[in-house]
C-alpha atoms as a PDB file:
ATOM      1  CA  UNK A   1       7.885 139.848  68.168  1.00  0.00           C
ATOM      2  CA  UNK A   2       5.188 142.367  68.782  1.00  0.00           C
ATOM      3  CA  UNK A   3       5.628 145.509  70.851  1.00  0.00           C
ATOM      4  CA  UNK A   4       3.694 144.061  73.797  1.00  0.00           C
ATOM      5  CA  UNK A   5       6.043 141.163  74.003  1.00  0.00           C
ATOM      6  CA  UNK A   6       9.078 143.390  73.645  1.00  0.00           C
ATOM      7  CA  UNK A   7       7.863 145.643  76.487  1.00  0.00           C
ATOM      8  CA  UNK A   8       7.595 142.567  78.699  1.00  0.00           C
ATOM      9  CA  UNK A   9      10.970 141.115  77.582  1.00  0.00           C
ATOM     10  CA  UNK A  10      12.618 144.457  78.490  1.00  0.00           C
ATOM     11  CA  UNK A  11      11.827 143.691  82.096  1.00  0.00           C
ATOM     12  CA  UNK A  12      13.553 140.309  82.317  1.00  0.00           C
ATOM     13  CA  UNK A  13      17.151 139.002  82.308  1.00  0.00           C
ATOM     14  CA  UNK A  14      18.680 139.776  78.886  1.00  0.00           C
ATOM     15  CA  UNK A  15      19.687 136.139  78.267  1.00  0.00           C
ATOM     16  CA  UNK A  16      16.117 135.005  78.962  1.00  0.00           C
ATOM     17  CA  UNK A  17      14.812 137.660  76.619  1.00  0.00           C
ATOM     18  CA  UNK A  18      17.158 136.577  73.820  1.00  0.00           C
ATOM     19  CA  UNK A  19      16.210 132.949  74.173  1.00  0.00           C
ATOM     20  CA  UNK A  20      12.477 133.761  74.000  1.00  0.00           C
ATOM     21  CA  UNK A  21      13.184 135.819  70.856  1.00  0.00           C
ATOM     22  CA  UNK A  22      14.971 132.885  69.394  1.00  0.00           C
ATOM     23  CA  UNK A  23      11.973 130.607  70.019  1.00  0.00           C
ATOM     24  CA  UNK A  24       9.749 133.310  68.397  1.00  0.00           C
ATOM     25  CA  UNK A  25      11.994 133.632  65.362  1.00  0.00           C
ATOM     26  CA  UNK A  26      12.114 129.875  64.818  1.00  0.00           C
ATOM     27  CA  UNK A  27       8.362 129.628  65.041  1.00  0.00           C
ATOM     28  CA  UNK A  28       7.710 132.675  62.906  1.00  0.00           C
ATOM     29  CA  UNK A  29       9.430 130.907  60.053  1.00  0.00           C
ATOM     30  CA  UNK A  30       6.586 128.435  60.294  1.00  0.00           C
ATOM     31  CA  UNK A  31       3.890 131.261  60.377  1.00  0.00           C
ATOM     32  CA  UNK A  32       3.464 130.962  64.116  1.00  0.00           C
ATOM     33  CA  UNK A  33       3.656 134.094  66.209  1.00  0.00           C
ATOM     34  CA  UNK A  34       4.584 133.996  69.896  1.00  0.00           C
ATOM     35  CA  UNK A  35       3.402 136.544  72.427  1.00  0.00           C
ATOM     36  CA  UNK A  36       4.880 137.044  75.901  1.00  0.00           C
ATOM     37  CA  UNK A  37       1.809 137.106  78.096  1.00  0.00           C
ATOM     38  CA  UNK A  38       3.616 137.490  81.398  1.00  0.00           C
ATOM     39  CA  UNK A  39       7.131 138.399  82.456  1.00  0.00           C
ATOM     40  CA  UNK A  40       8.152 140.284  85.572  1.00  0.00           C
ATOM     41  CA  UNK A  41       5.612 140.073  88.421  1.00  0.00           C
ATOM     42  CA  UNK A  42       5.798 141.992  91.642  1.00  0.00           C
ATOM     43  CA  UNK A  43       5.453 140.133  94.901  1.00  0.00           C
ATOM     44  CA  UNK A  44       2.071 141.727  95.305  1.00  0.00           C
ATOM     45  CA  UNK A  45       0.941 140.604  91.878  1.00  0.00           C
ATOM     46  CA  UNK A  46       2.173 137.071  92.598  1.00  0.00           C
ATOM     47  CA  UNK A  47       0.342 137.042  96.025  1.00  0.00           C
ATOM     48  CA  UNK A  48      -2.867 138.070  94.187  1.00  0.00           C
ATOM     49  CA  UNK A  49      -2.453 135.202  91.675  1.00  0.00           C
ATOM     50  CA  UNK A  50      -1.741 132.801  94.560  1.00  0.00           C
ATOM     51  CA  UNK A  51      -4.911 133.854  96.359  1.00  0.00           C
ATOM     52  CA  UNK A  52      -6.967 132.999  93.274  1.00  0.00           C
ATOM     53  CA  UNK A  53      -8.951 129.812  93.883  1.00  0.00           C
ATOM     54  CA  UNK A  54      -7.944 129.911  97.553  1.00  0.00           C
ATOM     55  CA  UNK A  55      -9.146 133.111  99.239  1.00  0.00           C
ATOM     56  CA  UNK A  56     -10.236 134.960  95.995  1.00  0.00           C
ATOM     57  CA  UNK A  57     -12.560 133.917  93.182  1.00  0.00           C
ATOM     58  CA  UNK A  58     -11.265 131.954  90.223  1.00  0.00           C
ATOM     59  CA  UNK A  59      -9.295 128.787  89.636  1.00  0.00           C
ATOM     60  CA  UNK A  60      -5.864 128.081  91.044  1.00  0.00           C
ATOM     61  CA  UNK A  61      -3.285 129.105  88.488  1.00  0.00           C
ATOM     62  CA  UNK A  62      -0.032 128.935  90.648  1.00  0.00           C
ATOM     63  CA  UNK A  63       1.330 127.124  93.532  1.00  0.00           C
ATOM     64  CA  UNK A  64       3.802 129.932  94.305  1.00  0.00           C
ATOM     65  CA  UNK A  65       3.140 132.759  96.728  1.00  0.00           C
ATOM     66  CA  UNK A  66       5.083 135.980  96.326  1.00  0.00           C
ATOM     67  CA  UNK A  67       8.831 135.537  96.491  1.00  0.00           C
ATOM     68  CA  UNK A  68       8.588 131.900  95.385  1.00  0.00           C
ATOM     69  CA  UNK A  69       8.252 132.411  91.634  1.00  0.00           C
ATOM     70  CA  UNK A  70      10.998 133.141  89.228  1.00  0.00           C
ATOM     71  CA  UNK A  71       8.640 135.709  87.672  1.00  0.00           C
ATOM     72  CA  UNK A  72       9.337 137.805  90.863  1.00  0.00           C
ATOM     73  CA  UNK A  73      13.087 137.928  89.992  1.00  0.00           C
ATOM     74  CA  UNK A  74      12.733 138.644  86.251  1.00  0.00           C
ATOM     75  CA  UNK A  75      13.861 135.166  85.445  1.00  0.00           C
ATOM     76  CA  UNK A  76      10.583 133.703  83.901  1.00  0.00           C
ATOM     77  CA  UNK A  77       8.122 134.482  81.166  1.00  0.00           C
ATOM     78  CA  UNK A  78       4.873 132.971  79.981  1.00  0.00           C
ATOM     79  CA  UNK A  79       4.363 132.649  76.246  1.00  0.00           C
ATOM     80  CA  UNK A  80       1.477 131.605  73.964  1.00  0.00           C
ATOM     81  CA  UNK A  81       1.835 130.678  70.366  1.00  0.00           C
ATOM     82  CA  UNK A  82      -0.722 131.803  67.749  1.00  0.00           C
ATOM     83  CA  UNK A  83      -2.784 129.880  65.364  1.00  0.00           C
ATOM     84  CA  UNK A  84      -0.953 129.821  61.894  1.00  0.00           C
ATOM     85  CA  UNK A  85      -1.516 132.941  59.899  1.00  0.00           C
ATOM     86  CA  UNK A  86      -0.597 136.527  59.410  1.00  0.00           C
ATOM     87  CA  UNK A  87      -1.907 137.937  62.674  1.00  0.00           C
ATOM     88  CA  UNK A  88      -1.794 136.918  66.277  1.00  0.00           C
ATOM     89  CA  UNK A  89      -4.726 134.752  67.349  1.00  0.00           C
ATOM     90  CA  UNK A  90      -3.849 132.895  70.665  1.00  0.00           C
ATOM     91  CA  UNK A  91      -3.866 129.173  70.580  1.00  0.00           C
ATOM     92  CA  UNK A  92      -4.681 128.179  74.121  1.00  0.00           C
ATOM     93  CA  UNK A  93      -4.688 124.428  73.281  1.00  0.00           C
ATOM     94  CA  UNK A  94      -1.429 123.371  75.195  1.00  0.00           C
ATOM     95  CA  UNK A  95      -1.689 119.877  73.642  1.00  0.00           C
ATOM     96  CA  UNK A  96      -1.411 121.304  70.077  1.00  0.00           C
ATOM     97  CA  UNK A  97       1.865 120.394  68.274  1.00  0.00           C
ATOM     98  CA  UNK A  98       2.754 124.097  68.036  1.00  0.00           C
ATOM     99  CA  UNK A  99       2.927 124.266  71.876  1.00  0.00           C
ATOM    100  CA  UNK A 100       5.079 121.109  71.851  1.00  0.00           C
ATOM    101  CA  UNK A 101       7.432 122.646  69.300  1.00  0.00           C
ATOM    102  CA  UNK A 102       7.697 125.816  71.479  1.00  0.00           C
ATOM    103  CA  UNK A 103       8.475 123.760  74.535  1.00  0.00           C
ATOM    104  CA  UNK A 104      11.146 121.755  72.655  1.00  0.00           C
ATOM    105  CA  UNK A 105      12.795 124.906  71.368  1.00  0.00           C
ATOM    106  CA  UNK A 106      12.924 126.348  74.882  1.00  0.00           C
ATOM    107  CA  UNK A 107      14.528 123.382  76.420  1.00  0.00           C
ATOM    108  CA  UNK A 108      17.067 123.014  73.569  1.00  0.00           C
ATOM    109  CA  UNK A 109      17.982 126.622  74.419  1.00  0.00           C
ATOM    110  CA  UNK A 110      18.583 125.594  78.123  1.00  0.00           C
ATOM    111  CA  UNK A 111      15.385 127.021  79.512  1.00  0.00           C
ATOM    112  CA  UNK A 112      13.215 125.119  81.939  1.00  0.00           C
ATOM    113  CA  UNK A 113       9.746 124.594  80.449  1.00  0.00           C
ATOM    114  CA  UNK A 114       6.946 124.457  82.960  1.00  0.00           C
ATOM    115  CA  UNK A 115       5.042 122.154  80.665  1.00  0.00           C
ATOM    116  CA  UNK A 116       7.253 119.235  81.822  1.00  0.00           C
ATOM    117  CA  UNK A 117       6.565 119.721  85.595  1.00  0.00           C
ATOM    118  CA  UNK A 118       4.908 116.671  86.989  1.00  0.00           C
ATOM    119  CA  UNK A 119       2.964 118.157  89.990  1.00  0.00           C
ATOM    120  CA  UNK A 120       1.671 121.389  88.380  1.00  0.00           C
ATOM    121  CA  UNK A 121       2.353 121.601  84.586  1.00  0.00           C
ATOM    122  CA  UNK A 122       2.471 125.186  83.444  1.00  0.00           C
ATOM    123  CA  UNK A 123       2.595 125.026  79.607  1.00  0.00           C
ATOM    124  CA  UNK A 124       3.324 128.668  78.900  1.00  0.00           C
ATOM    125  CA  UNK A 125       6.107 129.097  81.421  1.00  0.00           C
ATOM    126  CA  UNK A 126       9.838 129.268  80.676  1.00  0.00           C
ATOM    127  CA  UNK A 127      12.485 130.161  83.177  1.00  0.00           C
ATOM    128  CA  UNK A 128      16.242 130.801  83.371  1.00  0.00           C
ATOM    129  CA  UNK A 129      17.455 129.602  86.633  1.00  0.00           C
ATOM    130  CA  UNK A 130      21.283 129.281  86.322  1.00  0.00           C
ATOM    131  CA  UNK A 131      22.709 127.781  89.596  1.00  0.00           C
ATOM    132  CA  UNK A 132      19.378 128.075  91.426  1.00  0.00           C
ATOM    133  CA  UNK A 133      16.880 125.121  91.820  1.00  0.00           C
ATOM    134  CA  UNK A 134      14.557 124.506  88.930  1.00  0.00           C
ATOM    135  CA  UNK A 135      11.389 124.215  90.936  1.00  0.00           C
ATOM    136  CA  UNK A 136      11.253 127.447  92.847  1.00  0.00           C
ATOM    137  CA  UNK A 137      13.661 130.201  94.028  1.00  0.00           C
ATOM    138  CA  UNK A 138      15.450 129.485  97.150  1.00  0.00           C
ATOM    139  CA  UNK A 139      16.459 131.496 100.206  1.00  0.00           C
ATOM    140  CA  UNK A 140      19.865 132.280  98.583  1.00  0.00           C
ATOM    141  CA  UNK A 141      18.176 133.877  95.563  1.00  0.00           C
ATOM    142  CA  UNK A 142      15.687 135.836  97.764  1.00  0.00           C
ATOM    143  CA  UNK A 143      18.628 137.081  99.810  1.00  0.00           C
ATOM    144  CA  UNK A 144      20.666 138.208  96.763  1.00  0.00           C
ATOM    145  CA  UNK A 145      17.510 140.084  95.544  1.00  0.00           C
ATOM    146  CA  UNK A 146      16.977 141.588  98.910  1.00  0.00           C
ATOM    147  CA  UNK A 147      20.595 142.805  99.208  1.00  0.00           C
ATOM    148  CA  UNK A 148      21.208 143.874  95.556  1.00  0.00           C
ATOM    149  CA  UNK A 149      17.968 143.890  93.553  1.00  0.00           C
ATOM    150  CA  UNK A 150      17.665 142.675  89.991  1.00  0.00           C
ATOM    151  CA  UNK A 151      21.277 143.690  89.064  1.00  0.00           C
ATOM    152  CA  UNK A 152      22.670 141.278  91.704  1.00  0.00           C
ATOM    153  CA  UNK A 153      20.202 138.521  90.635  1.00  0.00           C
ATOM    154  CA  UNK A 154      21.195 138.889  87.009  1.00  0.00           C
ATOM    155  CA  UNK A 155      24.857 138.768  87.912  1.00  0.00           C
ATOM    156  CA  UNK A 156      24.341 135.655  90.040  1.00  0.00           C
ATOM    157  CA  UNK A 157      22.488 133.830  87.249  1.00  0.00           C
ATOM    158  CA  UNK A 158      24.973 134.909  84.581  1.00  0.00           C
ATOM    159  CA  UNK A 159      27.969 133.528  86.520  1.00  0.00           C
ATOM    160  CA  UNK A 160      26.345 130.113  87.039  1.00  0.00           C
END
């Protein structure tokens, strides 16, 4: 993985980071590079994304306000594959077979792939939820984070 992706993976749960690396390694064997485009997001960053297309210019890109995205708890990443070749050139065509392969690899590794969500498909999204609901973080997870930060969240997910 490139240094940009590694910087982003350093901010998320180590198990999630390892699984994303496994996806990237598998695709790299086929000449496909993967970049992590998003990982940890602050509540403020999430609120700004949520405002997009609502109270701020742009198109709607999320249905999750701050505190309601697994990105806010370092349990989600967004990844994009490249077009085949020796350098990273993003392939934003989520219907391309490369995307489908990336999604399949993620689910085989036990991650939730946002591409399979019915109400708001999110092709680049992968999350590690453990015992928490797949759709969105619940009050229990928010409470764990409030009381103990990322360390407590990581412990709660790891013991699921």
